[in-house]
C-alpha atoms as a PDB file:
ATOM      1  CA  MET A   1     -24.934  21.829 -13.350  1.00  0.00           C
ATOM      2  CA  GLY A   2     -23.404  18.323 -13.314  1.00  0.00           C
ATOM      3  CA  THR A   3     -23.480  15.879 -10.476  1.00  0.00           C
ATOM      4  CA  ARG A   4     -20.398  15.370  -8.414  1.00  0.00           C
ATOM      5  CA  MET A   5     -19.124  11.808  -8.104  1.00  0.00           C
ATOM      6  CA  SER A   6     -17.746  10.812  -4.751  1.00  0.00           C
ATOM      7  CA  VAL A   7     -14.428   9.044  -4.740  1.00  0.00           C
ATOM      8  CA  SER A   8     -13.742   6.560  -1.996  1.00  0.00           C
ATOM      9  CA  THR A   9     -10.306   6.094  -0.504  1.00  0.00           C
ATOM     10  CA  THR A  10      -8.975   2.795   0.758  1.00  0.00           C
ATOM     11  CA  LYS A  11      -6.366   2.728   3.506  1.00  0.00           C
ATOM     12  CA  PHE A  12      -4.527  -0.566   3.654  1.00  0.00           C
ATOM     13  CA  LYS A  13      -1.491  -2.038   5.338  1.00  0.00           C
ATOM     14  CA  VAL A  14       1.034  -4.392   3.829  1.00  0.00           C
ATOM     15  CA  GLU A  15       3.579  -6.390   5.776  1.00  0.00           C
ATOM     16  CA  GLY A  16       6.673  -8.044   4.439  1.00  0.00           C
ATOM     17  CA  VAL A  17      10.416  -8.587   4.451  1.00  0.00           C
ATOM     18  CA  GLY A  18      13.091  -7.746   1.934  1.00  0.00           C
ATOM     19  CA  PRO A  19      12.865  -5.096  -0.751  1.00  0.00           C
ATOM     20  CA  PHE A  20       9.585  -3.192  -0.963  1.00  0.00           C
ATOM     21  CA  PRO A  21       7.888  -3.884  -4.338  1.00  0.00           C
ATOM     22  CA  LEU A  22       7.901  -0.292  -5.634  1.00  0.00           C
ATOM     23  CA  ASP A  23       6.101  -1.298  -8.834  1.00  0.00           C
ATOM     24  CA  MET A  24       3.023  -2.016  -6.696  1.00  0.00           C
ATOM     25  CA  LEU A  25       2.642   1.731  -6.139  1.00  0.00           C
ATOM     26  CA  ARG A  26       2.001   2.088  -9.860  1.00  0.00           C
ATOM     27  CA  TYR A  27       0.008  -1.115 -10.211  1.00  0.00           C
ATOM     28  CA  ASP A  28      -2.440  -0.368  -7.373  1.00  0.00           C
ATOM     29  CA  GLN A  29      -2.186   3.402  -7.929  1.00  0.00           C
ATOM     30  CA  CYS A  30      -1.358   3.912  -4.255  1.00  0.00           C
ATOM     31  CA  TRP A  31       0.876   6.140  -2.180  1.00  0.00           C
ATOM     32  CA  PRO A  32       2.340   6.066   1.345  1.00  0.00           C
ATOM     33  CA  LYS A  33       0.120   7.514   4.074  1.00  0.00           C
ATOM     34  CA  ALA A  34       2.904   9.206   6.071  1.00  0.00           C
ATOM     35  CA  GLN A  35       6.639   9.911   6.086  1.00  0.00           C
ATOM     36  CA  ASP A  36       7.212   6.950   8.418  1.00  0.00           C
ATOM     37  CA  ASP A  37       5.762   4.707   5.719  1.00  0.00           C
ATOM     38  CA  VAL A  38       8.179   6.131   3.146  1.00  0.00           C
ATOM     39  CA  HIS A  39      11.017   5.277   5.520  1.00  0.00           C
ATOM     40  CA  GLU A  40       9.770   1.692   5.892  1.00  0.00           C
ATOM     41  CA  MET A  41       9.596   1.357   2.096  1.00  0.00           C
ATOM     42  CA  GLY A  42      13.225   2.440   1.703  1.00  0.00           C
ATOM     43  CA  THR A  43      16.347   0.462   2.217  1.00  0.00           C
ATOM     44  CA  ASN A  44      15.277  -0.439   5.744  1.00  0.00           C
ATOM     45  CA  THR A  45      15.631  -4.163   5.079  1.00  0.00           C
ATOM     46  CA  ALA A  46      17.447  -4.944   8.354  1.00  0.00           C
ATOM     47  CA  HIS A  47      14.148  -5.307  10.205  1.00  0.00           C
ATOM     48  CA  PRO A  48      12.723  -8.817  10.070  1.00  0.00           C
ATOM     49  CA  LYS A  49       9.226  -7.606   9.165  1.00  0.00           C
ATOM     50  CA  ARG A  50       8.013  -4.156   8.131  1.00  0.00           C
ATOM     51  CA  THR A  51       4.540  -2.665   7.878  1.00  0.00           C
ATOM     52  CA  VAL A  52       3.647   0.100   5.421  1.00  0.00           C
ATOM     53  CA  THR A  53       0.330   1.965   5.359  1.00  0.00           C
ATOM     54  CA  LEU A  54      -0.843   3.014   1.903  1.00  0.00           C
ATOM     55  CA  LEU A  55      -3.796   4.876   0.370  1.00  0.00           C
ATOM     56  CA  THR A  56      -5.520   4.316  -2.973  1.00  0.00           C
ATOM     57  CA  HIS A  57      -8.633   5.346  -4.881  1.00  0.00           C
ATOM     58  CA  THR A  58      -8.710   2.049  -6.805  1.00  0.00           C
ATOM     59  CA  ARG A  59      -8.575  -1.648  -5.984  1.00  0.00           C
ATOM     60  CA  VAL A  60      -6.049  -3.454  -3.817  1.00  0.00           C
ATOM     61  CA  THR A  61      -4.657  -6.529  -5.554  1.00  0.00           C
ATOM     62  CA  GLU A  62      -3.897  -8.785  -2.594  1.00  0.00           C
ATOM     63  CA  LYS A  63      -2.700 -11.746  -4.676  1.00  0.00           C
ATOM     64  CA  ARG A  64      -0.210  -9.574  -6.556  1.00  0.00           C
ATOM     65  CA  TRP A  65       1.162  -8.189  -3.267  1.00  0.00           C
ATOM     66  CA  ALA A  66       1.522 -11.792  -2.084  1.00  0.00           C
ATOM     67  CA  SER A  67       3.483 -12.670  -5.227  1.00  0.00           C
ATOM     68  CA  PHE A  68       6.159 -10.232  -3.994  1.00  0.00           C
ATOM     69  CA  GLY A  69       6.140 -11.751  -0.500  1.00  0.00           C
ATOM     70  CA  TRP A  70       4.067  -8.938   1.054  1.00  0.00           C
ATOM     71  CA  THR A  71       0.716  -9.544   2.764  1.00  0.00           C
ATOM     72  CA  VAL A  72      -2.230  -7.147   2.902  1.00  0.00           C
ATOM     73  CA  THR A  73      -3.055  -7.211   6.617  1.00  0.00           C
ATOM     74  CA  SER A  74      -5.952  -4.723   6.711  1.00  0.00           C
ATOM     75  CA  LYS A  75      -8.194  -2.666   4.428  1.00  0.00           C
ATOM     76  CA  GLU A  76     -10.572   0.165   5.296  1.00  0.00           C
ATOM     77  CA  THR A  77     -12.575   2.122   2.743  1.00  0.00           C
ATOM     78  CA  PHE A  78     -13.950   5.537   3.557  1.00  0.00           C
END
């Protein structure tokens, strides 16, 4: 019987203005935590600043997020 590897999940928040960088979902292999986050990712660009909570099983590339004008404001791995 093989050993089971545990996979950690990272919950992180990004904050920004303007269009959400959808390509970052692929790049960081992440997905929105809840339906409210999907809404914030959409065309909701009228708000001055938006926060989106995401989940991933891989790394979070903070500098790449910053290159799109979005800041990683928190990270929690569990």
